[in-house]
Amino acid sequence: MSDLTELADEHLAAARTAAHGRSAHLVMHDGVLRQTVIALTSGTSLDEHNAPPAASLQVLRGRVKLTSPGWAQEMGAGALRMIPKERHGLTALEDAVVLLTAVND
């Protein structure tokens, strides 16, 4: 079992020293289920990309903005929401760590 607090600390530290301002770690992979910790420094984005069949995003630290065409939502620590089933992107409004849970075909 992984300790999300330790992983958040570790990957936020790695993101702060990475040239691209991010760090990620696949926490769990079981068949179609994947859970990934993603750390982003303030201002760093994950460019728009396709959505998996089902996914959620939980903010462990900081604040992020989840966007899709014509829509945006800011999320702070503790927030949990489904990811839109369309192309979307993510931007860190401050140093942040999220837990992405996705079901892939």
PDB file of N, CA and C in Angstrom:
ATOM      1  N   MET A   1       0.851  -1.177   0.000  1.00  0.00           N
ATOM      2  CA  MET A   1       0.000   0.000   0.000  1.00  0.00           C
ATOM      3  C   MET A   1       0.899   1.244   0.000  1.00  0.00           C
ATOM      4  N   SER A   2       0.473   2.239  -0.758  1.00  0.00           N
ATOM      5  CA  SER A   2       1.240   3.477  -0.859  1.00  0.00           C
ATOM      6  C   SER A   2       0.719   4.525   0.119  1.00  0.00           C
ATOM      7  N   ASP A   3       1.622   5.349   0.624  1.00  0.00           N
ATOM      8  CA  ASP A   3       1.257   6.460   1.488  1.00  0.00           C
ATOM      9  C   ASP A   3       1.169   7.699   0.592  1.00  0.00           C
ATOM     10  N   LEU A   4      -0.043   8.190   0.352  1.00  0.00           N
ATOM     11  CA  LEU A   4      -0.236   9.309  -0.559  1.00  0.00           C
ATOM     12  C   LEU A   4       0.436  10.588  -0.074  1.00  0.00           C
ATOM     13  N   THR A   5       0.503  10.779   1.233  1.00  0.00           N
ATOM     14  CA  THR A   5       1.162  11.973   1.768  1.00  0.00           C
ATOM     15  C   THR A   5       2.645  11.946   1.428  1.00  0.00           C
ATOM     16  N   GLU A   6       3.291  10.798   1.629  1.00  0.00           N
ATOM     17  CA  GLU A   6       4.715  10.679   1.294  1.00  0.00           C
ATOM     18  C   GLU A   6       4.945  10.830  -0.205  1.00  0.00           C
ATOM     19  N   LEU A   7       4.077  10.210  -1.021  1.00  0.00           N
ATOM     20  CA  LEU A   7       4.214  10.333  -2.474  1.00  0.00           C
ATOM     21  C   LEU A   7       4.026  11.776  -2.929  1.00  0.00           C
ATOM     22  N   ALA A   8       3.068  12.481  -2.326  1.00  0.00           N
ATOM     23  CA  ALA A   8       2.839  13.884  -2.672  1.00  0.00           C
ATOM     24  C   ALA A   8       4.081  14.709  -2.357  1.00  0.00           C
ATOM     25  N   ASP A   9       4.650  14.514  -1.182  1.00  0.00           N
ATOM     26  CA  ASP A   9       5.871  15.236  -0.795  1.00  0.00           C
ATOM     27  C   ASP A   9       7.004  14.940  -1.775  1.00  0.00           C
ATOM     28  N   GLU A  10       7.222  13.668  -2.048  1.00  0.00           N
ATOM     29  CA  GLU A  10       8.321  13.233  -2.916  1.00  0.00           C
ATOM     30  C   GLU A  10       8.182  13.800  -4.327  1.00  0.00           C
ATOM     31  N   HIS A  11       6.994  13.722  -4.888  1.00  0.00           N
ATOM     32  CA  HIS A  11       6.830  14.152  -6.278  1.00  0.00           C
ATOM     33  C   HIS A  11       6.717  15.666  -6.426  1.00  0.00           C
ATOM     34  N   LEU A  12       6.245  16.342  -5.405  1.00  0.00           N
ATOM     35  CA  LEU A  12       6.256  17.801  -5.470  1.00  0.00           C
ATOM     36  C   LEU A  12       7.701  18.305  -5.417  1.00  0.00           C
ATOM     37  N   ALA A  13       8.517  17.683  -4.582  1.00  0.00           N
ATOM     38  CA  ALA A  13       9.940  18.043  -4.531  1.00  0.00           C
ATOM     39  C   ALA A  13      10.609  17.767  -5.884  1.00  0.00           C
ATOM     40  N   ALA A  14      10.277  16.637  -6.501  1.00  0.00           N
ATOM     41  CA  ALA A  14      10.854  16.300  -7.810  1.00  0.00           C
ATOM     42  C   ALA A  14      10.377  17.279  -8.883  1.00  0.00           C
ATOM     43  N   ALA A  15       9.096  17.663  -8.838  1.00  0.00           N
ATOM     44  CA  ALA A  15       8.564  18.614  -9.821  1.00  0.00           C
ATOM     45  C   ALA A  15       9.264  19.955  -9.701  1.00  0.00           C
ATOM     46  N   ARG A  16       9.562  20.368  -8.482  1.00  0.00           N
ATOM     47  CA  ARG A  16      10.207  21.667  -8.255  1.00  0.00           C
ATOM     48  C   ARG A  16      11.626  21.718  -8.827  1.00  0.00           C
ATOM     49  N   THR A  17      12.265  20.571  -8.995  1.00  0.00           N
ATOM     50  CA  THR A  17      13.615  20.546  -9.553  1.00  0.00           C
ATOM     51  C   THR A  17      13.639  20.117 -11.024  1.00  0.00           C
ATOM     52  N   ALA A  18      12.490  19.661 -11.552  1.00  0.00           N
ATOM     53  CA  ALA A  18      12.422  19.203 -12.939  1.00  0.00           C
ATOM     54  C   ALA A  18      12.290  20.389 -13.885  1.00  0.00           C
ATOM     55  N   ALA A  19      12.953  20.320 -15.020  1.00  0.00           N
ATOM     56  CA  ALA A  19      12.910  21.400 -16.007  1.00  0.00           C
ATOM     57  C   ALA A  19      11.489  21.665 -16.497  1.00  0.00           C
ATOM     58  N   HIS A  20      10.671  20.637 -16.587  1.00  0.00           N
ATOM     59  CA  HIS A  20       9.301  20.776 -17.098  1.00  0.00           C
ATOM     60  C   HIS A  20       8.280  21.034 -15.990  1.00  0.00           C
ATOM     61  N   GLY A  21       8.716  21.057 -14.713  1.00  0.00           N
ATOM     62  CA  GLY A  21       7.843  21.419 -13.604  1.00  0.00           C
ATOM     63  C   GLY A  21       6.807  20.391 -13.215  1.00  0.00           C
ATOM     64  N   ARG A  22       7.071  19.121 -13.513  1.00  0.00           N
ATOM     65  CA  ARG A  22       6.101  18.099 -13.115  1.00  0.00           C
ATOM     66  C   ARG A  22       6.791  16.778 -12.811  1.00  0.00           C
ATOM     67  N   SER A  23       6.065  15.942 -12.061  1.00  0.00           N
ATOM     68  CA  SER A  23       6.535  14.603 -11.727  1.00  0.00           C
ATOM     69  C   SER A  23       5.302  13.731 -11.523  1.00  0.00           C
ATOM     70  N   ALA A  24       5.375  12.478 -11.933  1.00  0.00           N
ATOM     71  CA  ALA A  24       4.221  11.588 -11.805  1.00  0.00           C
ATOM     72  C   ALA A  24       4.674  10.186 -11.403  1.00  0.00           C
ATOM     73  N   HIS A  25       3.754   9.468 -10.761  1.00  0.00           N
ATOM     74  CA  HIS A  25       4.042   8.108 -10.322  1.00  0.00           C
ATOM     75  C   HIS A  25       2.762   7.277 -10.419  1.00  0.00           C
ATOM     76  N   LEU A  26       2.831   6.158 -11.121  1.00  0.00           N
ATOM     77  CA  LEU A  26       1.706   5.223 -11.201  1.00  0.00           C
ATOM     78  C   LEU A  26       1.619   4.492  -9.871  1.00  0.00           C
ATOM     79  N   VAL A  27       0.558   4.759  -9.112  1.00  0.00           N
ATOM     80  CA  VAL A  27       0.390   4.203  -7.772  1.00  0.00           C
ATOM     81  C   VAL A  27      -0.177   2.793  -7.840  1.00  0.00           C
ATOM     82  N   MET A  28      -1.236   2.622  -8.636  1.00  0.00           N
ATOM     83  CA  MET A  28      -1.886   1.320  -8.756  1.00  0.00           C
ATOM     84  C   MET A  28      -2.243   1.067 -10.212  1.00  0.00           C
ATOM     85  N   HIS A  29      -2.097  -0.196 -10.612  1.00  0.00           N
ATOM     86  CA  HIS A  29      -2.497  -0.624 -11.946  1.00  0.00           C
ATOM     87  C   HIS A  29      -3.069  -2.018 -11.794  1.00  0.00           C
ATOM     88  N   ASP A  30      -4.365  -2.124 -12.031  1.00  0.00           N
ATOM     89  CA  ASP A  30      -5.051  -3.406 -11.896  1.00  0.00           C
ATOM     90  C   ASP A  30      -6.015  -3.546 -13.058  1.00  0.00           C
ATOM     91  N   GLY A  31      -5.631  -4.293 -14.071  1.00  0.00           N
ATOM     92  CA  GLY A  31      -6.470  -4.429 -15.253  1.00  0.00           C
ATOM     93  C   GLY A  31      -6.663  -3.078 -15.910  1.00  0.00           C
ATOM     94  N   VAL A  32      -7.921  -2.629 -15.990  1.00  0.00           N
ATOM     95  CA  VAL A  32      -8.230  -1.358 -16.646  1.00  0.00           C
ATOM     96  C   VAL A  32      -8.119  -0.156 -15.711  1.00  0.00           C
ATOM     97  N   LEU A  33      -7.926  -0.411 -14.415  1.00  0.00           N
ATOM     98  CA  LEU A  33      -7.856   0.662 -13.418  1.00  0.00           C
ATOM     99  C   LEU A  33      -6.420   1.152 -13.241  1.00  0.00           C
ATOM    100  N   ARG A  34      -6.260   2.475 -13.279  1.00  0.00           N
ATOM    101  CA  ARG A  34      -4.958   3.102 -13.021  1.00  0.00           C
ATOM    102  C   ARG A  34      -5.158   4.275 -12.084  1.00  0.00           C
ATOM    103  N   GLN A  35      -4.251   4.406 -11.114  1.00  0.00           N
ATOM    104  CA  GLN A  35      -4.239   5.569 -10.236  1.00  0.00           C
ATOM    105  C   GLN A  35      -2.840   6.155 -10.281  1.00  0.00           C
ATOM    106  N   THR A  36      -2.771   7.454 -10.551  1.00  0.00           N
ATOM    107  CA  THR A  36      -1.497   8.125 -10.726  1.00  0.00           C
ATOM    108  C   THR A  36      -1.448   9.396  -9.888  1.00  0.00           C
ATOM    109  N   VAL A  37      -0.348   9.572  -9.157  1.00  0.00           N
ATOM    110  CA  VAL A  37      -0.084  10.825  -8.455  1.00  0.00           C
ATOM    111  C   VAL A  37       0.676  11.719  -9.425  1.00  0.00           C
ATOM    112  N   ILE A  38       0.176  12.953  -9.603  1.00  0.00           N
ATOM    113  CA  ILE A  38       0.804  13.907 -10.509  1.00  0.00           C
ATOM    114  C   ILE A  38       1.075  15.198  -9.736  1.00  0.00           C
ATOM    115  N   ALA A  39       2.327  15.626  -9.729  1.00  0.00           N
ATOM    116  CA  ALA A  39       2.714  16.883  -9.080  1.00  0.00           C
ATOM    117  C   ALA A  39       3.065  17.897 -10.158  1.00  0.00           C
ATOM    118  N   LEU A  40       2.559  19.121  -9.978  1.00  0.00           N
ATOM    119  CA  LEU A  40       2.800  20.212 -10.928  1.00  0.00           C
ATOM    120  C   LEU A  40       3.198  21.462 -10.163  1.00  0.00           C
ATOM    121  N   THR A  41       4.212  22.161 -10.651  1.00  0.00           N
ATOM    122  CA  THR A  41       4.548  23.442 -10.041  1.00  0.00           C
ATOM    123  C   THR A  41       3.605  24.520 -10.577  1.00  0.00           C
ATOM    124  N   SER A  42       3.487  25.605  -9.847  1.00  0.00           N
ATOM    125  CA  SER A  42       2.592  26.696 -10.216  1.00  0.00           C
ATOM    126  C   SER A  42       2.825  27.138 -11.658  1.00  0.00           C
ATOM    127  N   GLY A  43       1.736  27.210 -12.434  1.00  0.00           N
ATOM    128  CA  GLY A  43       1.820  27.638 -13.824  1.00  0.00           C
ATOM    129  C   GLY A  43       2.061  26.517 -14.811  1.00  0.00           C
ATOM    130  N   THR A  44       2.413  25.332 -14.331  1.00  0.00           N
ATOM    131  CA  THR A  44       2.651  24.193 -15.209  1.00  0.00           C
ATOM    132  C   THR A  44       1.318  23.600 -15.647  1.00  0.00           C
ATOM    133  N   SER A  45       1.252  23.179 -16.911  1.00  0.00           N
ATOM    134  CA  SER A  45       0.016  22.620 -17.458  1.00  0.00           C
ATOM    135  C   SER A  45       0.247  21.249 -18.057  1.00  0.00           C
ATOM    136  N   LEU A  46      -0.819  20.468 -18.042  1.00  0.00           N
ATOM    137  CA  LEU A  46      -0.905  19.272 -18.858  1.00  0.00           C
ATOM    138  C   LEU A  46      -1.790  19.693 -20.026  1.00  0.00           C
ATOM    139  N   ASP A  47      -1.207  19.751 -21.216  1.00  0.00           N
ATOM    140  CA  ASP A  47      -1.943  20.229 -22.375  1.00  0.00           C
ATOM    141  C   ASP A  47      -3.206  19.413 -22.604  1.00  0.00           C
ATOM    142  N   GLU A  48      -4.114  19.988 -23.357  1.00  0.00           N
ATOM    143  CA  GLU A  48      -5.370  19.328 -23.659  1.00  0.00           C
ATOM    144  C   GLU A  48      -5.105  17.936 -24.242  1.00  0.00           C
ATOM    145  N   HIS A  49      -5.858  16.958 -23.749  1.00  0.00           N
ATOM    146  CA  HIS A  49      -5.699  15.576 -24.195  1.00  0.00           C
ATOM    147  C   HIS A  49      -7.050  14.873 -24.109  1.00  0.00           C
ATOM    148  N   ASN A  50      -7.141  13.701 -24.742  1.00  0.00           N
ATOM    149  CA  ASN A  50      -8.383  12.938 -24.745  1.00  0.00           C
ATOM    150  C   ASN A  50      -8.658  12.341 -23.374  1.00  0.00           C
ATOM    151  N   ALA A  51      -9.937  12.187 -23.068  1.00  0.00           N
ATOM    152  CA  ALA A  51     -10.350  11.617 -21.786  1.00  0.00           C
ATOM    153  C   ALA A  51     -10.454  10.099 -21.899  1.00  0.00           C
ATOM    154  N   PRO A  52     -10.120   9.394 -20.820  1.00  0.00           N
ATOM    155  CA  PRO A  52     -10.369   7.954 -20.795  1.00  0.00           C
ATOM    156  C   PRO A  52     -11.876   7.715 -20.655  1.00  0.00           C
ATOM    157  N   PRO A  53     -12.330   6.472 -20.789  1.00  0.00           N
ATOM    158  CA  PRO A  53     -13.764   6.187 -20.664  1.00  0.00           C
ATOM    159  C   PRO A  53     -14.368   6.655 -19.336  1.00  0.00           C
ATOM    160  N   ALA A  54     -13.615   6.575 -18.256  1.00  0.00           N
ATOM    161  CA  ALA A  54     -14.083   7.051 -16.946  1.00  0.00           C
ATOM    162  C   ALA A  54     -12.868   7.488 -16.144  1.00  0.00           C
ATOM    163  N   ALA A  55     -12.996   8.640 -15.453  1.00  0.00           N
ATOM    164  CA  ALA A  55     -11.868   9.141 -14.664  1.00  0.00           C
ATOM    165  C   ALA A  55     -12.348  10.153 -13.642  1.00  0.00           C
ATOM    166  N   SER A  56     -11.575  10.241 -12.553  1.00  0.00           N
ATOM    167  CA  SER A  56     -11.824  11.269 -11.540  1.00  0.00           C
ATOM    168  C   SER A  56     -10.491  11.912 -11.174  1.00  0.00           C
ATOM    169  N   LEU A  57     -10.595  13.112 -10.627  1.00  0.00           N
ATOM    170  CA  LEU A  57      -9.420  13.859 -10.198  1.00  0.00           C
ATOM    171  C   LEU A  57      -9.656  14.323  -8.778  1.00  0.00           C
ATOM    172  N   GLN A  58      -8.712  14.005  -7.888  1.00  0.00           N
ATOM    173  CA  GLN A  58      -8.774  14.461  -6.503  1.00  0.00           C
ATOM    174  C   GLN A  58      -7.542  15.312  -6.246  1.00  0.00           C
ATOM    175  N   VAL A  59      -7.751  16.510  -5.724  1.00  0.00           N
ATOM    176  CA  VAL A  59      -6.639  17.409  -5.416  1.00  0.00           C
ATOM    177  C   VAL A  59      -6.146  17.092  -4.008  1.00  0.00           C
ATOM    178  N   LEU A  60      -4.883  16.675  -3.918  1.00  0.00           N
ATOM    179  CA  LEU A  60      -4.277  16.345  -2.626  1.00  0.00           C
ATOM    180  C   LEU A  60      -3.633  17.571  -1.992  1.00  0.00           C
ATOM    181  N   ARG A  61      -3.056  18.447  -2.828  1.00  0.00           N
ATOM    182  CA  ARG A  61      -2.386  19.670  -2.354  1.00  0.00           C
ATOM    183  C   ARG A  61      -2.594  20.772  -3.370  1.00  0.00           C
ATOM    184  N   GLY A  62      -2.625  22.012  -2.909  1.00  0.00           N
ATOM    185  CA  GLY A  62      -2.633  23.154  -3.803  1.00  0.00           C
ATOM    186  C   GLY A  62      -3.962  23.385  -4.510  1.00  0.00           C
ATOM    187  N   ARG A  63      -3.867  24.094  -5.652  1.00  0.00           N
ATOM    188  CA  ARG A  63      -5.045  24.424  -6.451  1.00  0.00           C
ATOM    189  C   ARG A  63      -4.734  24.214  -7.923  1.00  0.00           C
ATOM    190  N   VAL A  64      -5.723  23.713  -8.650  1.00  0.00           N
ATOM    191  CA  VAL A  64      -5.584  23.475 -10.080  1.00  0.00           C
ATOM    192  C   VAL A  64      -6.815  24.008 -10.804  1.00  0.00           C
ATOM    193  N   LYS A  65      -6.684  24.140 -12.123  1.00  0.00           N
ATOM    194  CA  LYS A  65      -7.839  24.473 -12.957  1.00  0.00           C
ATOM    195  C   LYS A  65      -7.982  23.380 -14.002  1.00  0.00           C
ATOM    196  N   LEU A  66      -9.124  22.724 -13.997  1.00  0.00           N
ATOM    197  CA  LEU A  66      -9.467  21.698 -14.974  1.00  0.00           C
ATOM    198  C   LEU A  66     -10.262  22.383 -16.070  1.00  0.00           C
ATOM    199  N   THR A  67      -9.852  22.197 -17.328  1.00  0.00           N
ATOM    200  CA  THR A  67     -10.506  22.884 -18.436  1.00  0.00           C
ATOM    201  C   THR A  67     -10.908  21.904 -19.528  1.00  0.00           C
ATOM    202  N   SER A  68     -11.964  22.258 -20.238  1.00  0.00           N
ATOM    203  CA  SER A  68     -12.349  21.589 -21.472  1.00  0.00           C
ATOM    204  C   SER A  68     -12.934  22.692 -22.354  1.00  0.00           C
ATOM    205  N   PRO A  69     -13.159  22.441 -23.638  1.00  0.00           N
ATOM    206  CA  PRO A  69     -13.637  23.510 -24.520  1.00  0.00           C
ATOM    207  C   PRO A  69     -14.866  24.233 -23.950  1.00  0.00           C
ATOM    208  N   GLY A  70     -14.729  25.536 -23.727  1.00  0.00           N
ATOM    209  CA  GLY A  70     -15.829  26.359 -23.244  1.00  0.00           C
ATOM    210  C   GLY A  70     -16.166  26.195 -21.775  1.00  0.00           C
ATOM    211  N   TRP A  71     -15.285  25.571 -20.995  1.00  0.00           N
ATOM    212  CA  TRP A  71     -15.600  25.290 -19.591  1.00  0.00           C
ATOM    213  C   TRP A  71     -14.305  25.232 -18.778  1.00  0.00           C
ATOM    214  N   ALA A  72     -14.360  25.695 -17.533  1.00  0.00           N
ATOM    215  CA  ALA A  72     -13.206  25.608 -16.625  1.00  0.00           C
ATOM    216  C   ALA A  72     -13.718  25.556 -15.190  1.00  0.00           C
ATOM    217  N   GLN A  73     -12.997  24.808 -14.353  1.00  0.00           N
ATOM    218  CA  GLN A  73     -13.344  24.755 -12.934  1.00  0.00           C
ATOM    219  C   GLN A  73     -12.068  24.736 -12.113  1.00  0.00           C
ATOM    220  N   GLU A  74     -11.999  25.647 -11.132  1.00  0.00           N
ATOM    221  CA  GLU A  74     -10.890  25.640 -10.183  1.00  0.00           C
ATOM    222  C   GLU A  74     -11.213  24.646  -9.079  1.00  0.00           C
ATOM    223  N   MET A  75     -10.172  23.957  -8.622  1.00  0.00           N
ATOM    224  CA  MET A  75     -10.324  22.959  -7.565  1.00  0.00           C
ATOM    225  C   MET A  75      -9.208  23.136  -6.554  1.00  0.00           C
ATOM    226  N   GLY A  76      -9.550  23.084  -5.274  1.00  0.00           N
ATOM    227  CA  GLY A  76      -8.569  23.191  -4.210  1.00  0.00           C
ATOM    228  C   GLY A  76      -8.385  21.869  -3.496  1.00  0.00           C
ATOM    229  N   ALA A  77      -7.439  21.836  -2.566  1.00  0.00           N
ATOM    230  CA  ALA A  77      -7.131  20.622  -1.811  1.00  0.00           C
ATOM    231  C   ALA A  77      -8.408  20.030  -1.219  1.00  0.00           C
ATOM    232  N   GLY A  78      -8.573  18.732  -1.415  1.00  0.00           N
ATOM    233  CA  GLY A  78      -9.745  18.021  -0.918  1.00  0.00           C
ATOM    234  C   GLY A  78     -10.837  17.861  -1.949  1.00  0.00           C
ATOM    235  N   ALA A  79     -10.790  18.643  -3.029  1.00  0.00           N
ATOM    236  CA  ALA A  79     -11.832  18.564  -4.059  1.00  0.00           C
ATOM    237  C   ALA A  79     -11.704  17.270  -4.859  1.00  0.00           C
ATOM    238  N   LEU A  80     -12.851  16.743  -5.243  1.00  0.00           N
ATOM    239  CA  LEU A  80     -12.929  15.512  -6.042  1.00  0.00           C
ATOM    240  C   LEU A  80     -14.013  15.709  -7.079  1.00  0.00           C
ATOM    241  N   ARG A  81     -13.701  15.399  -8.342  1.00  0.00           N
ATOM    242  CA  ARG A  81     -14.734  15.496  -9.377  1.00  0.00           C
ATOM    243  C   ARG A  81     -14.434  14.534 -10.513  1.00  0.00           C
ATOM    244  N   MET A  82     -15.483  14.209 -11.239  1.00  0.00           N
ATOM    245  CA  MET A  82     -15.331  13.402 -12.443  1.00  0.00           C
ATOM    246  C   MET A  82     -14.660  14.272 -13.502  1.00  0.00           C
ATOM    247  N   ILE A  83     -13.857  13.656 -14.340  1.00  0.00           N
ATOM    248  CA  ILE A  83     -13.225  14.370 -15.446  1.00  0.00           C
ATOM    249  C   ILE A  83     -14.192  14.329 -16.629  1.00  0.00           C
ATOM    250  N   PRO A  84     -14.381  15.466 -17.316  1.00  0.00           N
ATOM    251  CA  PRO A  84     -15.289  15.482 -18.470  1.00  0.00           C
ATOM    252  C   PRO A  84     -14.891  14.431 -19.499  1.00  0.00           C
ATOM    253  N   LYS A  85     -15.873  13.838 -20.137  1.00  0.00           N
ATOM    254  CA  LYS A  85     -15.610  12.807 -21.143  1.00  0.00           C
ATOM    255  C   LYS A  85     -15.343  13.444 -22.509  1.00  0.00           C
ATOM    256  N   GLU A  86     -14.473  14.438 -22.513  1.00  0.00           N
ATOM    257  CA  GLU A  86     -14.068  15.137 -23.722  1.00  0.00           C
ATOM    258  C   GLU A  86     -12.634  15.616 -23.520  1.00  0.00           C
ATOM    259  N   ARG A  87     -12.053  16.169 -24.554  1.00  0.00           N
ATOM    260  CA  ARG A  87     -10.691  16.686 -24.419  1.00  0.00           C
ATOM    261  C   ARG A  87     -10.648  17.673 -23.273  1.00  0.00           C
ATOM    262  N   HIS A  88      -9.568  17.631 -22.512  1.00  0.00           N
ATOM    263  CA  HIS A  88      -9.446  18.485 -21.328  1.00  0.00           C
ATOM    264  C   HIS A  88      -7.982  18.735 -21.025  1.00  0.00           C
ATOM    265  N   GLY A  89      -7.730  19.714 -20.180  1.00  0.00           N
ATOM    266  CA  GLY A  89      -6.378  20.035 -19.747  1.00  0.00           C
ATOM    267  C   GLY A  89      -6.385  20.368 -18.263  1.00  0.00           C
ATOM    268  N   LEU A  90      -5.202  20.500 -17.696  1.00  0.00           N
ATOM    269  CA  LEU A  90      -5.064  20.787 -16.270  1.00  0.00           C
ATOM    270  C   LEU A  90      -3.914  21.769 -16.086  1.00  0.00           C
ATOM    271  N   THR A  91      -4.147  22.822 -15.297  1.00  0.00           N
ATOM    272  CA  THR A  91      -3.111  23.813 -14.992  1.00  0.00           C
ATOM    273  C   THR A  91      -3.019  23.985 -13.489  1.00  0.00           C
ATOM    274  N   ALA A  92      -1.793  24.006 -12.971  1.00  0.00           N
ATOM    275  CA  ALA A  92      -1.581  24.260 -11.545  1.00  0.00           C
ATOM    276  C   ALA A  92      -1.635  25.761 -11.304  1.00  0.00           C
ATOM    277  N   LEU A  93      -2.550  26.202 -10.446  1.00  0.00           N
ATOM    278  CA  LEU A  93      -2.656  27.610 -10.084  1.00  0.00           C
ATOM    279  C   LEU A  93      -1.664  27.957  -8.983  1.00  0.00           C
ATOM    280  N   GLU A  94      -1.216  26.949  -8.270  1.00  0.00           N
ATOM    281  CA  GLU A  94      -0.123  27.020  -7.295  1.00  0.00           C
ATOM    282  C   GLU A  94       0.474  25.620  -7.279  1.00  0.00           C
ATOM    283  N   ASP A  95       1.619  25.436  -6.643  1.00  0.00           N
ATOM    284  CA  ASP A  95       2.188  24.090  -6.585  1.00  0.00           C
ATOM    285  C   ASP A  95       1.096  23.132  -6.117  1.00  0.00           C
ATOM    286  N   ALA A  96       0.937  22.026  -6.842  1.00  0.00           N
ATOM    287  CA  ALA A  96      -0.195  21.141  -6.565  1.00  0.00           C
ATOM    288  C   ALA A  96       0.168  19.680  -6.813  1.00  0.00           C
ATOM    289  N   VAL A  97      -0.592  18.810  -6.128  1.00  0.00           N
ATOM    290  CA  VAL A  97      -0.487  17.374  -6.340  1.00  0.00           C
ATOM    291  C   VAL A  97      -1.916  16.843  -6.456  1.00  0.00           C
ATOM    292  N   VAL A  98      -2.146  16.025  -7.491  1.00  0.00           N
ATOM    293  CA  VAL A  98      -3.470  15.436  -7.712  1.00  0.00           C
ATOM    294  C   VAL A  98      -3.360  13.919  -7.802  1.00  0.00           C
ATOM    295  N   LEU A  99      -4.468  13.266  -7.536  1.00  0.00           N
ATOM    296  CA  LEU A  99      -4.572  11.821  -7.738  1.00  0.00           C
ATOM    297  C   LEU A  99      -5.552  11.605  -8.879  1.00  0.00           C
ATOM    298  N   LEU A 100      -5.070  11.083  -9.985  1.00  0.00           N
ATOM    299  CA  LEU A 100      -5.887  10.770 -11.145  1.00  0.00           C
ATOM    300  C   LEU A 100      -6.256   9.301 -11.089  1.00  0.00           C
ATOM    301  N   THR A 101      -7.549   9.015 -11.087  1.00  0.00           N
ATOM    302  CA  THR A 101      -8.034   7.643 -11.164  1.00  0.00           C
ATOM    303  C   THR A 101      -8.709   7.487 -12.506  1.00  0.00           C
ATOM    304  N   ALA A 102      -8.253   6.513 -13.297  1.00  0.00           N
ATOM    305  CA  ALA A 102      -8.782   6.343 -14.647  1.00  0.00           C
ATOM    306  C   ALA A 102      -9.049   4.872 -14.962  1.00  0.00           C
ATOM    307  N   VAL A 103     -10.085   4.669 -15.749  1.00  0.00           N
ATOM    308  CA  VAL A 103     -10.406   3.349 -16.273  1.00  0.00           C
ATOM    309  C   VAL A 103     -10.149   3.430 -17.775  1.00  0.00           C
ATOM    310  N   ASN A 104      -9.229   2.620 -18.258  1.00  0.00           N
ATOM    311  CA  ASN A 104      -8.879   2.606 -19.681  1.00  0.00           C
ATOM    312  C   ASN A 104      -9.289   1.285 -20.297  1.00  0.00           C
ATOM    313  N   ASP A 105      -9.667   1.342 -21.570  1.00  0.00           N
ATOM    314  CA  ASP A 105     -10.054   0.105 -22.273  1.00  0.00           C
ATOM    315  C   ASP A 105      -8.857  -0.780 -22.499  1.00  0.00           C
TER     316      ASP A 105
END
